[in-house]
Amino acid sequence: MTMKNARHTIAAGMFKAHCLSLLEQVARNREIIVVTKHGRAVAKLVPIDLAEPAPLRGSVRYHGDSVEPSGKSWGCEQ
Protein backbone atom coordinates (compact mmCIF):
# COMPACT_ATOMS: atom_id res chain seq x y z
CA MET A 1 0.00 0.00 0.00
CA THR A 2 1.41 3.40 -0.96
CA MET A 3 1.21 6.43 1.32
CA LYS A 4 -1.13 8.07 -1.17
CA ASN A 5 -3.69 5.30 -0.60
CA ALA A 6 -3.01 4.82 3.11
CA ARG A 7 -5.97 5.48 5.37
CA HIS A 8 -5.74 6.30 9.03
CA THR A 9 -8.69 6.54 11.40
CA ILE A 10 -8.90 9.07 14.20
CA ALA A 11 -11.62 9.89 16.72
CA ALA A 12 -13.32 13.28 16.34
CA GLY A 13 -12.08 14.49 19.75
CA MET A 14 -8.48 13.64 18.85
CA PHE A 15 -8.93 15.30 15.45
CA LYS A 16 -10.17 18.47 17.17
CA ALA A 17 -7.16 18.53 19.47
CA HIS A 18 -4.62 17.94 16.69
CA CYS A 19 -6.34 19.44 13.65
CA LEU A 20 -3.53 21.70 12.39
CA SER A 21 -0.81 19.06 12.68
CA LEU A 22 -3.08 16.50 10.96
CA LEU A 23 -3.66 18.93 8.08
CA GLU A 24 0.10 19.29 7.69
CA GLN A 25 0.52 15.51 7.82
CA VAL A 26 -2.07 14.98 5.06
CA ALA A 27 -0.48 17.64 2.87
CA ARG A 28 3.07 16.38 3.42
CA ASN A 29 2.46 12.60 3.18
CA ARG A 30 -0.49 12.69 0.75
CA GLU A 31 -2.43 10.34 3.02
CA ILE A 32 -6.13 10.07 3.84
CA ILE A 33 -7.48 10.41 7.38
CA VAL A 34 -10.98 9.21 8.28
CA VAL A 35 -12.56 10.99 11.26
CA THR A 36 -14.92 8.88 13.37
CA LYS A 37 -17.54 9.70 15.95
CA HIS A 38 -18.60 6.85 18.26
CA GLY A 39 -16.85 4.42 15.90
CA ARG A 40 -18.76 5.58 12.81
CA ALA A 41 -16.96 7.40 9.97
CA VAL A 42 -18.27 10.96 9.65
CA ALA A 43 -15.61 12.76 7.59
CA LYS A 44 -12.62 12.13 5.38
CA LEU A 45 -9.58 14.40 5.18
CA VAL A 46 -7.89 14.06 1.79
CA PRO A 47 -5.05 15.95 0.10
CA ILE A 48 -6.05 18.18 -2.80
CA ASP A 49 -4.62 17.60 -6.24
CA LEU A 50 -2.59 20.61 -7.27
CA ALA A 51 -2.71 20.51 -11.03
CA GLU A 52 -0.33 22.69 -12.97
CA PRO A 53 -2.10 25.77 -14.37
CA ALA A 54 -2.86 25.54 -18.07
CA PRO A 55 -0.64 27.71 -20.27
CA LEU A 56 -2.33 30.83 -21.63
CA ARG A 57 -0.24 31.02 -24.81
CA GLY A 58 -2.59 30.99 -27.80
CA SER A 59 -5.73 31.54 -25.73
CA VAL A 60 -6.06 35.30 -26.42
CA ARG A 61 -7.15 36.75 -29.74
CA TYR A 62 -6.57 40.31 -30.90
CA HIS A 63 -9.56 41.94 -32.65
CA GLY A 64 -8.27 45.49 -33.07
CA ASP A 65 -8.18 48.53 -30.83
CA SER A 66 -11.04 48.25 -28.32
CA VAL A 67 -10.91 51.93 -27.28
CA GLU A 68 -10.62 53.53 -30.72
CA PRO A 69 -13.78 55.39 -31.85
CA SER A 70 -15.75 53.27 -34.29
CA GLY A 71 -17.17 56.27 -36.18
CA LYS A 72 -20.73 54.98 -35.76
CA SER A 73 -23.39 57.27 -34.32
CA TRP A 74 -25.19 56.17 -31.20
CA GLY A 75 -28.24 58.21 -32.10
CA CYS A 76 -28.05 60.39 -29.03
CA GLU A 77 -26.42 63.46 -30.58
CA GLN A 78 -27.99 66.83 -29.80
C-alpha atoms as a PDB file:
ATOM      1  CA  MET A   1       0.000   0.000   0.000  1.00  0.00           C
ATOM      2  CA  THR A   2       1.413   3.398  -0.956  1.00  0.00           C
ATOM      3  CA  MET A   3       1.213   6.427   1.318  1.00  0.00           C
ATOM      4  CA  LYS A   4      -1.131   8.074  -1.168  1.00  0.00           C
ATOM      5  CA  ASN A   5      -3.688   5.303  -0.599  1.00  0.00           C
ATOM      6  CA  ALA A   6      -3.007   4.823   3.110  1.00  0.00           C
ATOM      7  CA  ARG A   7      -5.972   5.480   5.370  1.00  0.00           C
ATOM      8  CA  HIS A   8      -5.739   6.304   9.034  1.00  0.00           C
ATOM      9  CA  THR A   9      -8.694   6.541  11.401  1.00  0.00           C
ATOM     10  CA  ILE A  10      -8.902   9.075  14.196  1.00  0.00           C
ATOM     11  CA  ALA A  11     -11.625   9.891  16.720  1.00  0.00           C
ATOM     12  CA  ALA A  12     -13.316  13.283  16.339  1.00  0.00           C
ATOM     13  CA  GLY A  13     -12.076  14.490  19.746  1.00  0.00           C
ATOM     14  CA  MET A  14      -8.480  13.637  18.851  1.00  0.00           C
ATOM     15  CA  PHE A  15      -8.931  15.297  15.452  1.00  0.00           C
ATOM     16  CA  LYS A  16     -10.175  18.466  17.166  1.00  0.00           C
ATOM     17  CA  ALA A  17      -7.163  18.528  19.471  1.00  0.00           C
ATOM     18  CA  HIS A  18      -4.618  17.936  16.687  1.00  0.00           C
ATOM     19  CA  CYS A  19      -6.341  19.435  13.649  1.00  0.00           C
ATOM     20  CA  LEU A  20      -3.529  21.697  12.394  1.00  0.00           C
ATOM     21  CA  SER A  21      -0.815  19.060  12.679  1.00  0.00           C
ATOM     22  CA  LEU A  22      -3.080  16.504  10.959  1.00  0.00           C
ATOM     23  CA  LEU A  23      -3.663  18.930   8.083  1.00  0.00           C
ATOM     24  CA  GLU A  24       0.096  19.294   7.694  1.00  0.00           C
ATOM     25  CA  GLN A  25       0.517  15.506   7.817  1.00  0.00           C
ATOM     26  CA  VAL A  26      -2.067  14.977   5.060  1.00  0.00           C
ATOM     27  CA  ALA A  27      -0.478  17.643   2.867  1.00  0.00           C
ATOM     28  CA  ARG A  28       3.069  16.375   3.423  1.00  0.00           C
ATOM     29  CA  ASN A  29       2.462  12.602   3.180  1.00  0.00           C
ATOM     30  CA  ARG A  30      -0.488  12.687   0.746  1.00  0.00           C
ATOM     31  CA  GLU A  31      -2.432  10.342   3.021  1.00  0.00           C
ATOM     32  CA  ILE A  32      -6.134  10.068   3.837  1.00  0.00           C
ATOM     33  CA  ILE A  33      -7.476  10.406   7.381  1.00  0.00           C
ATOM     34  CA  VAL A  34     -10.976   9.211   8.283  1.00  0.00           C
ATOM     35  CA  VAL A  35     -12.562  10.985  11.257  1.00  0.00           C
ATOM     36  CA  THR A  36     -14.918   8.880  13.370  1.00  0.00           C
ATOM     37  CA  LYS A  37     -17.544   9.698  15.953  1.00  0.00           C
ATOM     38  CA  HIS A  38     -18.601   6.850  18.257  1.00  0.00           C
ATOM     39  CA  GLY A  39     -16.849   4.418  15.899  1.00  0.00           C
ATOM     40  CA  ARG A  40     -18.761   5.583  12.814  1.00  0.00           C
ATOM     41  CA  ALA A  41     -16.963   7.395   9.971  1.00  0.00           C
ATOM     42  CA  VAL A  42     -18.268  10.960   9.648  1.00  0.00           C
ATOM     43  CA  ALA A  43     -15.615  12.759   7.586  1.00  0.00           C
ATOM     44  CA  LYS A  44     -12.618  12.130   5.378  1.00  0.00           C
ATOM     45  CA  LEU A  45      -9.582  14.401   5.185  1.00  0.00           C
ATOM     46  CA  VAL A  46      -7.891  14.056   1.785  1.00  0.00           C
ATOM     47  CA  PRO A  47      -5.050  15.949   0.097  1.00  0.00           C
ATOM     48  CA  ILE A  48      -6.051  18.181  -2.796  1.00  0.00           C
ATOM     49  CA  ASP A  49      -4.618  17.603  -6.237  1.00  0.00           C
ATOM     50  CA  LEU A  50      -2.592  20.607  -7.267  1.00  0.00           C
ATOM     51  CA  ALA A  51      -2.705  20.507 -11.033  1.00  0.00           C
ATOM     52  CA  GLU A  52      -0.332  22.687 -12.974  1.00  0.00           C
ATOM     53  CA  PRO A  53      -2.097  25.766 -14.371  1.00  0.00           C
ATOM     54  CA  ALA A  54      -2.864  25.543 -18.069  1.00  0.00           C
ATOM     55  CA  PRO A  55      -0.638  27.712 -20.266  1.00  0.00           C
ATOM     56  CA  LEU A  56      -2.326  30.833 -21.634  1.00  0.00           C
ATOM     57  CA  ARG A  57      -0.242  31.015 -24.808  1.00  0.00           C
ATOM     58  CA  GLY A  58      -2.588  30.994 -27.799  1.00  0.00           C
ATOM     59  CA  SER A  59      -5.734  31.537 -25.731  1.00  0.00           C
ATOM     60  CA  VAL A  60      -6.064  35.297 -26.423  1.00  0.00           C
ATOM     61  CA  ARG A  61      -7.146  36.746 -29.744  1.00  0.00           C
ATOM     62  CA  TYR A  62      -6.573  40.312 -30.901  1.00  0.00           C
ATOM     63  CA  HIS A  63      -9.555  41.945 -32.649  1.00  0.00           C
ATOM     64  CA  GLY A  64      -8.273  45.492 -33.066  1.00  0.00           C
ATOM     65  CA  ASP A  65      -8.181  48.532 -30.832  1.00  0.00           C
ATOM     66  CA  SER A  66     -11.035  48.249 -28.325  1.00  0.00           C
ATOM     67  CA  VAL A  67     -10.911  51.930 -27.277  1.00  0.00           C
ATOM     68  CA  GLU A  68     -10.623  53.533 -30.716  1.00  0.00           C
ATOM     69  CA  PRO A  69     -13.779  55.393 -31.848  1.00  0.00           C
ATOM     70  CA  SER A  70     -15.755  53.271 -34.292  1.00  0.00           C
ATOM     71  CA  GLY A  71     -17.169  56.266 -36.179  1.00  0.00           C
ATOM     72  CA  LYS A  72     -20.727  54.984 -35.757  1.00  0.00           C
ATOM     73  CA  SER A  73     -23.388  57.273 -34.323  1.00  0.00           C
ATOM     74  CA  TRP A  74     -25.189  56.170 -31.197  1.00  0.00           C
ATOM     75  CA  GLY A  75     -28.239  58.213 -32.099  1.00  0.00           C
ATOM     76  CA  CYS A  76     -28.048  60.394 -29.027  1.00  0.00           C
ATOM     77  CA  GLU A  77     -26.424  63.458 -30.576  1.00  0.00           C
ATOM     78  CA  GLN A  78     -27.988  66.833 -29.802  1.00  0.00           C
END
